[in-house]
Amino acid sequence: MNDLEALQAKLKTLSDAYAAQLPEKIRQIQQTWRDLPRDQFNEAGLETMHRMVHNLTGSGKTFGFARLSDAARSLEEEIGQLVRAKTVLSAAQCQQIRLSLQELQDAARQRPG
C-alpha cells in the first residue's frame, strides 16, 4: 500500500468512526430540544443546543458530510436567532425547529459519496 492509499484508508476509518457517533449526537440534540420548556425562555438550554449543533456544522464537512454540515448550519442560525430574541418560542418557531431537526437527522443518515 502506498502513502496515498494509506492516507485514504485512514480518512475512511475516521469518517466511519464519525458516522458511528452521529446517531447519538443527533439523539442528544433532539433530547435537549424536548427538554426545553415551551412556556418560558430558557437561554441556557438554547445555548447548549446551539453549541451542540455548531459542533456538527464544522465537523460534518471535515469528515465528508457536507449535507449534514449545511443542515446543521441552518439550524444553528435559527437557534442563534432565538437566543438573541430572548422570548418564549412561538408555535411556528417550534415547528420550524422540529423540521430542521428532522432535516439534520436525515442528513446524518446519508453517507458521504
PDB file of N, CA and C in Angstrom:
ATOM      1  N   MET A   1       0.847  -1.179   0.000  1.00  0.00           N
ATOM      2  CA  MET A   1       0.000   0.000   0.000  1.00  0.00           C
ATOM      3  C   MET A   1       0.890   1.240   0.000  1.00  0.00           C
ATOM      4  N   ASN A   2       0.637   2.155  -0.941  1.00  0.00           N
ATOM      5  CA  ASN A   2       1.444   3.367  -0.988  1.00  0.00           C
ATOM      6  C   ASN A   2       0.905   4.398   0.011  1.00  0.00           C
ATOM      7  N   ASP A   3       1.601   5.525   0.119  1.00  0.00           N
ATOM      8  CA  ASP A   3       1.244   6.549   1.101  1.00  0.00           C
ATOM      9  C   ASP A   3      -0.157   7.101   0.868  1.00  0.00           C
ATOM     10  N   LEU A   4      -0.517   7.319  -0.397  1.00  0.00           N
ATOM     11  CA  LEU A   4      -1.840   7.858  -0.698  1.00  0.00           C
ATOM     12  C   LEU A   4      -2.934   6.881  -0.301  1.00  0.00           C
ATOM     13  N   GLU A   5      -2.732   5.622  -0.603  1.00  0.00           N
ATOM     14  CA  GLU A   5      -3.722   4.604  -0.217  1.00  0.00           C
ATOM     15  C   GLU A   5      -3.843   4.497   1.295  1.00  0.00           C
ATOM     16  N   ALA A   6      -2.728   4.595   1.980  1.00  0.00           N
ATOM     17  CA  ALA A   6      -2.735   4.527   3.444  1.00  0.00           C
ATOM     18  C   ALA A   6      -3.481   5.725   4.029  1.00  0.00           C
ATOM     19  N   LEU A   7      -3.249   6.889   3.455  1.00  0.00           N
ATOM     20  CA  LEU A   7      -3.947   8.094   3.903  1.00  0.00           C
ATOM     21  C   LEU A   7      -5.446   7.979   3.648  1.00  0.00           C
ATOM     22  N   GLN A   8      -5.825   7.519   2.474  1.00  0.00           N
ATOM     23  CA  GLN A   8      -7.239   7.349   2.161  1.00  0.00           C
ATOM     24  C   GLN A   8      -7.896   6.341   3.090  1.00  0.00           C
ATOM     25  N   ALA A   9      -7.204   5.282   3.416  1.00  0.00           N
ATOM     26  CA  ALA A   9      -7.741   4.280   4.340  1.00  0.00           C
ATOM     27  C   ALA A   9      -7.932   4.875   5.732  1.00  0.00           C
ATOM     28  N   LYS A  10      -6.980   5.678   6.166  1.00  0.00           N
ATOM     29  CA  LYS A  10      -7.080   6.340   7.480  1.00  0.00           C
ATOM     30  C   LYS A  10      -8.258   7.314   7.496  1.00  0.00           C
ATOM     31  N   LEU A  11      -8.402   8.095   6.432  1.00  0.00           N
ATOM     32  CA  LEU A  11      -9.520   9.038   6.357  1.00  0.00           C
ATOM     33  C   LEU A  11     -10.861   8.314   6.362  1.00  0.00           C
ATOM     34  N   LYS A  12     -10.938   7.186   5.678  1.00  0.00           N
ATOM     35  CA  LYS A  12     -12.168   6.399   5.672  1.00  0.00           C
ATOM     36  C   LYS A  12     -12.471   5.872   7.070  1.00  0.00           C
ATOM     37  N   THR A  13     -11.450   5.421   7.757  1.00  0.00           N
ATOM     38  CA  THR A  13     -11.631   4.934   9.130  1.00  0.00           C
ATOM     39  C   THR A  13     -12.154   6.048  10.032  1.00  0.00           C
ATOM     40  N   LEU A  14     -11.585   7.240   9.898  1.00  0.00           N
ATOM     41  CA  LEU A  14     -12.042   8.388  10.689  1.00  0.00           C
ATOM     42  C   LEU A  14     -13.478   8.771  10.337  1.00  0.00           C
ATOM     43  N   SER A  15     -13.800   8.772   9.056  1.00  0.00           N
ATOM     44  CA  SER A  15     -15.161   9.091   8.619  1.00  0.00           C
ATOM     45  C   SER A  15     -16.156   8.051   9.131  1.00  0.00           C
ATOM     46  N   ASP A  16     -15.762   6.789   9.092  1.00  0.00           N
ATOM     47  CA  ASP A  16     -16.640   5.730   9.604  1.00  0.00           C
ATOM     48  C   ASP A  16     -16.876   5.888  11.105  1.00  0.00           C
ATOM     49  N   ALA A  17     -15.828   6.231  11.845  1.00  0.00           N
ATOM     50  CA  ALA A  17     -15.957   6.441  13.291  1.00  0.00           C
ATOM     51  C   ALA A  17     -16.870   7.638  13.573  1.00  0.00           C
ATOM     52  N   TYR A  18     -16.725   8.688  12.783  1.00  0.00           N
ATOM     53  CA  TYR A  18     -17.580   9.869  12.930  1.00  0.00           C
ATOM     54  C   TYR A  18     -19.036   9.495  12.654  1.00  0.00           C
ATOM     55  N   ALA A  19     -19.255   8.754  11.583  1.00  0.00           N
ATOM     56  CA  ALA A  19     -20.611   8.334  11.215  1.00  0.00           C
ATOM     57  C   ALA A  19     -21.240   7.487  12.318  1.00  0.00           C
ATOM     58  N   ALA A  20     -20.445   6.653  12.959  1.00  0.00           N
ATOM     59  CA  ALA A  20     -20.961   5.795  14.023  1.00  0.00           C
ATOM     60  C   ALA A  20     -21.416   6.605  15.238  1.00  0.00           C
ATOM     61  N   GLN A  21     -20.815   7.764  15.442  1.00  0.00           N
ATOM     62  CA  GLN A  21     -21.180   8.621  16.579  1.00  0.00           C
ATOM     63  C   GLN A  21     -22.366   9.532  16.290  1.00  0.00           C
ATOM     64  N   LEU A  22     -22.690   9.722  15.031  1.00  0.00           N
ATOM     65  CA  LEU A  22     -23.742  10.664  14.670  1.00  0.00           C
ATOM     66  C   LEU A  22     -25.108  10.351  15.280  1.00  0.00           C
ATOM     67  N   PRO A  23     -25.584   9.117  15.263  1.00  0.00           N
ATOM     68  CA  PRO A  23     -26.910   8.872  15.841  1.00  0.00           C
ATOM     69  C   PRO A  23     -27.025   9.341  17.297  1.00  0.00           C
ATOM     70  N   GLU A  24     -25.990   9.120  18.077  1.00  0.00           N
ATOM     71  CA  GLU A  24     -26.025   9.551  19.481  1.00  0.00           C
ATOM     72  C   GLU A  24     -25.972  11.073  19.588  1.00  0.00           C
ATOM     73  N   LYS A  25     -25.162  11.707  18.767  1.00  0.00           N
ATOM     74  CA  LYS A  25     -25.092  13.177  18.792  1.00  0.00           C
ATOM     75  C   LYS A  25     -26.440  13.790  18.415  1.00  0.00           C
ATOM     76  N   ILE A  26     -27.077  13.238  17.401  1.00  0.00           N
ATOM     77  CA  ILE A  26     -28.392  13.735  16.978  1.00  0.00           C
ATOM     78  C   ILE A  26     -29.421  13.476  18.083  1.00  0.00           C
ATOM     79  N   ARG A  27     -29.357  12.311  18.697  1.00  0.00           N
ATOM     80  CA  ARG A  27     -30.279  11.983  19.780  1.00  0.00           C
ATOM     81  C   ARG A  27     -30.123  12.978  20.928  1.00  0.00           C
ATOM     82  N   GLN A  28     -28.901  13.337  21.266  1.00  0.00           N
ATOM     83  CA  GLN A  28     -28.658  14.297  22.350  1.00  0.00           C
ATOM     84  C   GLN A  28     -29.213  15.680  22.002  1.00  0.00           C
ATOM     85  N   ILE A  29     -29.046  16.098  20.769  1.00  0.00           N
ATOM     86  CA  ILE A  29     -29.596  17.390  20.340  1.00  0.00           C
ATOM     87  C   ILE A  29     -31.115  17.354  20.424  1.00  0.00           C
ATOM     88  N   GLN A  30     -31.722  16.278  19.942  1.00  0.00           N
ATOM     89  CA  GLN A  30     -33.178  16.151  19.991  1.00  0.00           C
ATOM     90  C   GLN A  30     -33.676  16.111  21.429  1.00  0.00           C
ATOM     91  N   GLN A  31     -32.947  15.436  22.304  1.00  0.00           N
ATOM     92  CA  GLN A  31     -33.353  15.376  23.712  1.00  0.00           C
ATOM     93  C   GLN A  31     -33.257  16.752  24.357  1.00  0.00           C
ATOM     94  N   THR A  32     -32.213  17.480  24.035  1.00  0.00           N
ATOM     95  CA  THR A  32     -32.076  18.844  24.561  1.00  0.00           C
ATOM     96  C   THR A  32     -33.267  19.685  24.123  1.00  0.00           C
ATOM     97  N   TRP A  33     -33.680  19.529  22.872  1.00  0.00           N
ATOM     98  CA  TRP A  33     -34.845  20.260  22.367  1.00  0.00           C
ATOM     99  C   TRP A  33     -36.107  19.841  23.130  1.00  0.00           C
ATOM    100  N   ARG A  34     -36.304  18.545  23.306  1.00  0.00           N
ATOM    101  CA  ARG A  34     -37.501  18.065  24.021  1.00  0.00           C
ATOM    102  C   ARG A  34     -37.533  18.554  25.462  1.00  0.00           C
ATOM    103  N   ASP A  35     -36.376  18.719  26.076  1.00  0.00           N
ATOM    104  CA  ASP A  35     -36.301  19.142  27.473  1.00  0.00           C
ATOM    105  C   ASP A  35     -36.550  20.636  27.670  1.00  0.00           C
ATOM    106  N   LEU A  36     -36.507  21.404  26.602  1.00  0.00           N
ATOM    107  CA  LEU A  36     -36.729  22.851  26.741  1.00  0.00           C
ATOM    108  C   LEU A  36     -38.198  23.130  27.069  1.00  0.00           C
ATOM    109  N   PRO A  37     -38.435  23.986  28.044  1.00  0.00           N
ATOM    110  CA  PRO A  37     -39.829  24.344  28.330  1.00  0.00           C
ATOM    111  C   PRO A  37     -40.399  25.190  27.189  1.00  0.00           C
ATOM    112  N   ARG A  38     -41.654  24.981  26.891  1.00  0.00           N
ATOM    113  CA  ARG A  38     -42.294  25.737  25.798  1.00  0.00           C
ATOM    114  C   ARG A  38     -42.995  26.997  26.306  1.00  0.00           C
ATOM    115  N   ASP A  39     -43.144  27.111  27.620  1.00  0.00           N
ATOM    116  CA  ASP A  39     -43.888  28.243  28.167  1.00  0.00           C
ATOM    117  C   ASP A  39     -42.991  29.325  28.768  1.00  0.00           C
ATOM    118  N   GLN A  40     -41.677  29.157  28.627  1.00  0.00           N
ATOM    119  CA  GLN A  40     -40.754  30.176  29.121  1.00  0.00           C
ATOM    120  C   GLN A  40     -39.464  30.147  28.299  1.00  0.00           C
ATOM    121  N   PHE A  41     -38.768  31.254  28.307  1.00  0.00           N
ATOM    122  CA  PHE A  41     -37.499  31.349  27.593  1.00  0.00           C
ATOM    123  C   PHE A  41     -36.426  30.665  28.431  1.00  0.00           C
ATOM    124  N   ASN A  42     -35.649  29.786  27.820  1.00  0.00           N
ATOM    125  CA  ASN A  42     -34.582  29.067  28.511  1.00  0.00           C
ATOM    126  C   ASN A  42     -33.286  29.311  27.751  1.00  0.00           C
ATOM    127  N   GLU A  43     -32.615  30.368  28.105  1.00  0.00           N
ATOM    128  CA  GLU A  43     -31.398  30.762  27.397  1.00  0.00           C
ATOM    129  C   GLU A  43     -30.307  29.697  27.517  1.00  0.00           C
ATOM    130  N   ALA A  44     -30.114  29.158  28.703  1.00  0.00           N
ATOM    131  CA  ALA A  44     -29.058  28.159  28.895  1.00  0.00           C
ATOM    132  C   ALA A  44     -29.318  26.918  28.040  1.00  0.00           C
ATOM    133  N   GLY A  45     -30.558  26.460  27.987  1.00  0.00           N
ATOM    134  CA  GLY A  45     -30.888  25.285  27.182  1.00  0.00           C
ATOM    135  C   GLY A  45     -30.687  25.538  25.701  1.00  0.00           C
ATOM    136  N   LEU A  46     -31.110  26.709  25.239  1.00  0.00           N
ATOM    137  CA  LEU A  46     -30.934  27.044  23.824  1.00  0.00           C
ATOM    138  C   LEU A  46     -29.453  27.195  23.478  1.00  0.00           C
ATOM    139  N   GLU A  47     -28.681  27.780  24.395  1.00  0.00           N
ATOM    140  CA  GLU A  47     -27.248  27.930  24.131  1.00  0.00           C
ATOM    141  C   GLU A  47     -26.548  26.572  24.097  1.00  0.00           C
ATOM    142  N   THR A  48     -26.984  25.650  24.953  1.00  0.00           N
ATOM    143  CA  THR A  48     -26.422  24.293  24.926  1.00  0.00           C
ATOM    144  C   THR A  48     -26.722  23.639  23.580  1.00  0.00           C
ATOM    145  N   MET A  49     -27.964  23.746  23.160  1.00  0.00           N
ATOM    146  CA  MET A  49     -28.357  23.162  21.873  1.00  0.00           C
ATOM    147  C   MET A  49     -27.589  23.828  20.730  1.00  0.00           C
ATOM    148  N   HIS A  50     -27.449  25.132  20.790  1.00  0.00           N
ATOM    149  CA  HIS A  50     -26.707  25.886  19.776  1.00  0.00           C
ATOM    150  C   HIS A  50     -25.273  25.379  19.671  1.00  0.00           C
ATOM    151  N   ARG A  51     -24.621  25.168  20.812  1.00  0.00           N
ATOM    152  CA  ARG A  51     -23.237  24.697  20.836  1.00  0.00           C
ATOM    153  C   ARG A  51     -23.130  23.284  20.241  1.00  0.00           C
ATOM    154  N   MET A  52     -24.079  22.423  20.589  1.00  0.00           N
ATOM    155  CA  MET A  52     -24.061  21.052  20.067  1.00  0.00           C
ATOM    156  C   MET A  52     -24.207  21.046  18.544  1.00  0.00           C
ATOM    157  N   VAL A  53     -25.116  21.869  18.049  1.00  0.00           N
ATOM    158  CA  VAL A  53     -25.343  21.939  16.602  1.00  0.00           C
ATOM    159  C   VAL A  53     -24.141  22.588  15.919  1.00  0.00           C
ATOM    160  N   HIS A  54     -23.575  23.596  16.554  1.00  0.00           N
ATOM    161  CA  HIS A  54     -22.391  24.264  15.999  1.00  0.00           C
ATOM    162  C   HIS A  54     -21.249  23.266  15.783  1.00  0.00           C
ATOM    163  N   ASN A  55     -21.078  22.347  16.718  1.00  0.00           N
ATOM    164  CA  ASN A  55     -20.024  21.346  16.574  1.00  0.00           C
ATOM    165  C   ASN A  55     -20.238  20.489  15.326  1.00  0.00           C
ATOM    166  N   LEU A  56     -21.485  20.170  15.008  1.00  0.00           N
ATOM    167  CA  LEU A  56     -21.769  19.404  13.794  1.00  0.00           C
ATOM    168  C   LEU A  56     -21.531  20.225  12.533  1.00  0.00           C
ATOM    169  N   THR A  57     -21.759  21.521  12.626  1.00  0.00           N
ATOM    170  CA  THR A  57     -21.553  22.393  11.465  1.00  0.00           C
ATOM    171  C   THR A  57     -20.114  22.278  10.966  1.00  0.00           C
ATOM    172  N   GLY A  58     -19.174  22.352  11.868  1.00  0.00           N
ATOM    173  CA  GLY A  58     -17.765  22.287  11.471  1.00  0.00           C
ATOM    174  C   GLY A  58     -17.285  20.880  11.187  1.00  0.00           C
ATOM    175  N   SER A  59     -17.663  19.954  12.029  1.00  0.00           N
ATOM    176  CA  SER A  59     -17.135  18.600  11.883  1.00  0.00           C
ATOM    177  C   SER A  59     -17.736  17.854  10.687  1.00  0.00           C
ATOM    178  N   GLY A  60     -18.957  18.198  10.311  1.00  0.00           N
ATOM    179  CA  GLY A  60     -19.602  17.499   9.201  1.00  0.00           C
ATOM    180  C   GLY A  60     -18.783  17.548   7.921  1.00  0.00           C
ATOM    181  N   LYS A  61     -18.400  18.732   7.509  1.00  0.00           N
ATOM    182  CA  LYS A  61     -17.619  18.853   6.270  1.00  0.00           C
ATOM    183  C   LYS A  61     -16.235  18.242   6.415  1.00  0.00           C
ATOM    184  N   THR A  62     -15.672  18.348   7.597  1.00  0.00           N
ATOM    185  CA  THR A  62     -14.345  17.768   7.829  1.00  0.00           C
ATOM    186  C   THR A  62     -14.336  16.279   7.513  1.00  0.00           C
ATOM    187  N   PHE A  63     -15.430  15.595   7.851  1.00  0.00           N
ATOM    188  CA  PHE A  63     -15.499  14.145   7.662  1.00  0.00           C
ATOM    189  C   PHE A  63     -16.303  13.741   6.433  1.00  0.00           C
ATOM    190  N   GLY A  64     -16.581  14.699   5.555  1.00  0.00           N
ATOM    191  CA  GLY A  64     -17.226  14.384   4.289  1.00  0.00           C
ATOM    192  C   GLY A  64     -18.749  14.414   4.304  1.00  0.00           C
ATOM    193  N   PHE A  65     -19.345  14.939   5.348  1.00  0.00           N
ATOM    194  CA  PHE A  65     -20.798  15.005   5.465  1.00  0.00           C
ATOM    195  C   PHE A  65     -21.266  16.442   5.180  1.00  0.00           C
ATOM    196  N   ALA A  66     -21.148  16.844   3.929  1.00  0.00           N
ATOM    197  CA  ALA A  66     -21.476  18.223   3.550  1.00  0.00           C
ATOM    198  C   ALA A  66     -22.944  18.545   3.804  1.00  0.00           C
ATOM    199  N   ARG A  67     -23.841  17.617   3.475  1.00  0.00           N
ATOM    200  CA  ARG A  67     -25.274  17.880   3.693  1.00  0.00           C
ATOM    201  C   ARG A  67     -25.571  18.049   5.181  1.00  0.00           C
ATOM    202  N   LEU A  68     -24.942  17.248   6.009  1.00  0.00           N
ATOM    203  CA  LEU A  68     -25.110  17.370   7.457  1.00  0.00           C
ATOM    204  C   LEU A  68     -24.630  18.739   7.924  1.00  0.00           C
ATOM    205  N   SER A  69     -23.488  19.140   7.445  1.00  0.00           N
ATOM    206  CA  SER A  69     -22.926  20.434   7.822  1.00  0.00           C
ATOM    207  C   SER A  69     -23.864  21.574   7.417  1.00  0.00           C
ATOM    208  N   ASP A  70     -24.425  21.499   6.223  1.00  0.00           N
ATOM    209  CA  ASP A  70     -25.348  22.531   5.752  1.00  0.00           C
ATOM    210  C   ASP A  70     -26.624  22.566   6.596  1.00  0.00           C
ATOM    211  N   ALA A  71     -27.165  21.386   6.906  1.00  0.00           N
ATOM    212  CA  ALA A  71     -28.371  21.318   7.731  1.00  0.00           C
ATOM    213  C   ALA A  71     -28.084  21.848   9.131  1.00  0.00           C
ATOM    214  N   ALA A  72     -26.924  21.512   9.672  1.00  0.00           N
ATOM    215  CA  ALA A  72     -26.544  21.999  10.999  1.00  0.00           C
ATOM    216  C   ALA A  72     -26.366  23.514  10.987  1.00  0.00           C
ATOM    217  N   ARG A  73     -25.764  24.033   9.922  1.00  0.00           N
ATOM    218  CA  ARG A  73     -25.557  25.494   9.839  1.00  0.00           C
ATOM    219  C   ARG A  73     -26.898  26.226   9.835  1.00  0.00           C
ATOM    220  N   SER A  74     -27.854  25.707   9.100  1.00  0.00           N
ATOM    221  CA  SER A  74     -29.175  26.319   9.052  1.00  0.00           C
ATOM    222  C   SER A  74     -29.833  26.293  10.432  1.00  0.00           C
ATOM    223  N   LEU A  75     -29.780  25.145  11.088  1.00  0.00           N
ATOM    224  CA  LEU A  75     -30.368  25.017  12.428  1.00  0.00           C
ATOM    225  C   LEU A  75     -29.619  25.895  13.426  1.00  0.00           C
ATOM    226  N   GLU A  76     -28.318  25.953  13.308  1.00  0.00           N
ATOM    227  CA  GLU A  76     -27.503  26.794  14.188  1.00  0.00           C
ATOM    228  C   GLU A  76     -27.938  28.266  14.076  1.00  0.00           C
ATOM    229  N   GLU A  77     -28.178  28.729  12.860  1.00  0.00           N
ATOM    230  CA  GLU A  77     -28.620  30.105  12.651  1.00  0.00           C
ATOM    231  C   GLU A  77     -30.005  30.338  13.256  1.00  0.00           C
ATOM    232  N   GLU A  78     -30.902  29.375  13.077  1.00  0.00           N
ATOM    233  CA  GLU A  78     -32.248  29.500  13.648  1.00  0.00           C
ATOM    234  C   GLU A  78     -32.184  29.596  15.173  1.00  0.00           C
ATOM    235  N   ILE A  79     -31.395  28.728  15.779  1.00  0.00           N
ATOM    236  CA  ILE A  79     -31.289  28.738  17.241  1.00  0.00           C
ATOM    237  C   ILE A  79     -30.625  30.032  17.710  1.00  0.00           C
ATOM    238  N   GLY A  80     -29.622  30.488  16.990  1.00  0.00           N
ATOM    239  CA  GLY A  80     -28.967  31.748  17.335  1.00  0.00           C
ATOM    240  C   GLY A  80     -29.945  32.909  17.346  1.00  0.00           C
ATOM    241  N   GLN A  81     -30.850  32.948  16.389  1.00  0.00           N
ATOM    242  CA  GLN A  81     -31.872  33.996  16.357  1.00  0.00           C
ATOM    243  C   GLN A  81     -32.777  33.910  17.576  1.00  0.00           C
ATOM    244  N   LEU A  82     -33.120  32.689  17.981  1.00  0.00           N
ATOM    245  CA  LEU A  82     -33.975  32.507  19.153  1.00  0.00           C
ATOM    246  C   LEU A  82     -33.268  32.967  20.424  1.00  0.00           C
ATOM    247  N   VAL A  83     -31.984  32.651  20.530  1.00  0.00           N
ATOM    248  CA  VAL A  83     -31.215  33.076  21.699  1.00  0.00           C
ATOM    249  C   VAL A  83     -31.174  34.603  21.768  1.00  0.00           C
ATOM    250  N   ARG A  84     -30.942  35.240  20.632  1.00  0.00           N
ATOM    251  CA  ARG A  84     -30.857  36.704  20.608  1.00  0.00           C
ATOM    252  C   ARG A  84     -32.208  37.363  20.891  1.00  0.00           C
ATOM    253  N   ALA A  85     -33.302  36.710  20.482  1.00  0.00           N
ATOM    254  CA  ALA A  85     -34.638  37.288  20.681  1.00  0.00           C
ATOM    255  C   ALA A  85     -35.040  37.288  22.152  1.00  0.00           C
ATOM    256  N   LYS A  86     -34.586  36.305  22.907  1.00  0.00           N
ATOM    257  CA  LYS A  86     -34.857  36.211  24.339  1.00  0.00           C
ATOM    258  C   LYS A  86     -36.349  36.255  24.672  1.00  0.00           C
ATOM    259  N   THR A  87     -37.147  35.563  23.866  1.00  0.00           N
ATOM    260  CA  THR A  87     -38.590  35.489  24.122  1.00  0.00           C
ATOM    261  C   THR A  87     -39.047  34.038  24.058  1.00  0.00           C
ATOM    262  N   VAL A  88     -40.216  33.789  24.606  1.00  0.00           N
ATOM    263  CA  VAL A  88     -40.816  32.460  24.529  1.00  0.00           C
ATOM    264  C   VAL A  88     -41.013  32.122  23.060  1.00  0.00           C
ATOM    265  N   LEU A  89     -40.727  30.888  22.706  1.00  0.00           N
ATOM    266  CA  LEU A  89     -40.835  30.468  21.313  1.00  0.00           C
ATOM    267  C   LEU A  89     -42.295  30.352  20.896  1.00  0.00           C
ATOM    268  N   SER A  90     -42.588  30.813  19.704  1.00  0.00           N
ATOM    269  CA  SER A  90     -43.935  30.686  19.151  1.00  0.00           C
ATOM    270  C   SER A  90     -44.137  29.271  18.615  1.00  0.00           C
ATOM    271  N   ALA A  91     -45.381  28.937  18.359  1.00  0.00           N
ATOM    272  CA  ALA A  91     -45.688  27.622  17.780  1.00  0.00           C
ATOM    273  C   ALA A  91     -45.003  27.477  16.421  1.00  0.00           C
ATOM    274  N   ALA A  92     -44.965  28.536  15.633  1.00  0.00           N
ATOM    275  CA  ALA A  92     -44.327  28.490  14.315  1.00  0.00           C
ATOM    276  C   ALA A  92     -42.818  28.265  14.453  1.00  0.00           C
ATOM    277  N   GLN A  93     -42.187  28.900  15.429  1.00  0.00           N
ATOM    278  CA  GLN A  93     -40.755  28.713  15.636  1.00  0.00           C
ATOM    279  C   GLN A  93     -40.458  27.274  16.083  1.00  0.00           C
ATOM    280  N   CYS A  94     -41.297  26.754  16.974  1.00  0.00           N
ATOM    281  CA  CYS A  94     -41.129  25.367  17.426  1.00  0.00           C
ATOM    282  C   CYS A  94     -41.269  24.405  16.254  1.00  0.00           C
ATOM    283  N   GLN A  95     -42.240  24.642  15.402  1.00  0.00           N
ATOM    284  CA  GLN A  95     -42.444  23.780  14.242  1.00  0.00           C
ATOM    285  C   GLN A  95     -41.242  23.850  13.296  1.00  0.00           C
ATOM    286  N   GLN A  96     -40.704  25.035  13.090  1.00  0.00           N
ATOM    287  CA  GLN A  96     -39.539  25.186  12.214  1.00  0.00           C
ATOM    288  C   GLN A  96     -38.329  24.439  12.785  1.00  0.00           C
ATOM    289  N   ILE A  97     -38.126  24.517  14.085  1.00  0.00           N
ATOM    290  CA  ILE A  97     -37.016  23.802  14.708  1.00  0.00           C
ATOM    291  C   ILE A  97     -37.213  22.295  14.552  1.00  0.00           C
ATOM    292  N   ARG A  98     -38.444  21.816  14.746  1.00  0.00           N
ATOM    293  CA  ARG A  98     -38.709  20.385  14.569  1.00  0.00           C
ATOM    294  C   ARG A  98     -38.393  19.937  13.135  1.00  0.00           C
ATOM    295  N   LEU A  99     -38.779  20.744  12.163  1.00  0.00           N
ATOM    296  CA  LEU A  99     -38.481  20.422  10.766  1.00  0.00           C
ATOM    297  C   LEU A  99     -36.971  20.419  10.507  1.00  0.00           C
ATOM    298  N   SER A 100     -36.296  21.385  11.076  1.00  0.00           N
ATOM    299  CA  SER A 100     -34.840  21.464  10.898  1.00  0.00           C
ATOM    300  C   SER A 100     -34.134  20.301  11.586  1.00  0.00           C
ATOM    301  N   LEU A 101     -34.650  19.874  12.727  1.00  0.00           N
ATOM    302  CA  LEU A 101     -34.087  18.707  13.402  1.00  0.00           C
ATOM    303  C   LEU A 101     -34.276  17.447  12.563  1.00  0.00           C
ATOM    304  N   GLN A 102     -35.421  17.339  11.908  1.00  0.00           N
ATOM    305  CA  GLN A 102     -35.660  16.184  11.046  1.00  0.00           C
ATOM    306  C   GLN A 102     -34.708  16.206   9.855  1.00  0.00           C
ATOM    307  N   GLU A 103     -34.495  17.379   9.296  1.00  0.00           N
ATOM    308  CA  GLU A 103     -33.547  17.504   8.179  1.00  0.00           C
ATOM    309  C   GLU A 103     -32.136  17.132   8.621  1.00  0.00           C
ATOM    310  N   LEU A 104     -31.772  17.540   9.828  1.00  0.00           N
ATOM    311  CA  LEU A 104     -30.464  17.202  10.373  1.00  0.00           C
ATOM    312  C   LEU A 104     -30.332  15.687  10.525  1.00  0.00           C
ATOM    313  N   GLN A 105     -31.356  15.062  11.051  1.00  0.00           N
ATOM    314  CA  GLN A 105     -31.341  13.613  11.223  1.00  0.00           C
ATOM    315  C   GLN A 105     -31.247  12.891   9.875  1.00  0.00           C
ATOM    316  N   ASP A 106     -32.003  13.352   8.906  1.00  0.00           N
ATOM    317  CA  ASP A 106     -31.951  12.753   7.569  1.00  0.00           C
ATOM    318  C   ASP A 106     -30.550  12.908   6.961  1.00  0.00           C
ATOM    319  N   ALA A 107     -29.958  14.070   7.131  1.00  0.00           N
ATOM    320  CA  ALA A 107     -28.622  14.320   6.579  1.00  0.00           C
ATOM    321  C   ALA A 107     -27.576  13.439   7.266  1.00  0.00           C
ATOM    322  N   ALA A 108     -27.762  13.167   8.548  1.00  0.00           N
ATOM    323  CA  ALA A 108     -26.809  12.332   9.273  1.00  0.00           C
ATOM    324  C   ALA A 108     -26.820  10.894   8.770  1.00  0.00           C
ATOM    325  N   ARG A 109     -27.947  10.466   8.230  1.00  0.00           N
ATOM    326  CA  ARG A 109     -28.060   9.101   7.716  1.00  0.00           C
ATOM    327  C   ARG A 109     -27.420   8.937   6.346  1.00  0.00           C
ATOM    328  N   GLN A 110     -27.178  10.044   5.663  1.00  0.00           N
ATOM    329  CA  GLN A 110     -26.628   9.996   4.301  1.00  0.00           C
ATOM    330  C   GLN A 110     -25.111   9.918   4.366  1.00  0.00           C
ATOM    331  N   ARG A 111     -24.580   8.824   3.913  1.00  0.00           N
ATOM    332  CA  ARG A 111     -23.130   8.625   3.917  1.00  0.00           C
ATOM    333  C   ARG A 111     -22.479   9.466   2.807  1.00  0.00           C
ATOM    334  N   PRO A 112     -21.270   9.940   3.069  1.00  0.00           N
ATOM    335  CA  PRO A 112     -20.568  10.679   2.013  1.00  0.00           C
ATOM    336  C   PRO A 112     -20.276   9.772   0.822  1.00  0.00           C
ATOM    337  N   GLY A 113     -20.262  10.379  -0.362  1.00  0.00           N
ATOM    338  CA  GLY A 113     -20.030   9.610  -1.586  1.00  0.00           C
ATOM    339  C   GLY A 113     -18.616   9.394  -1.945  1.00  0.00           C
TER     340      GLY A 113
END
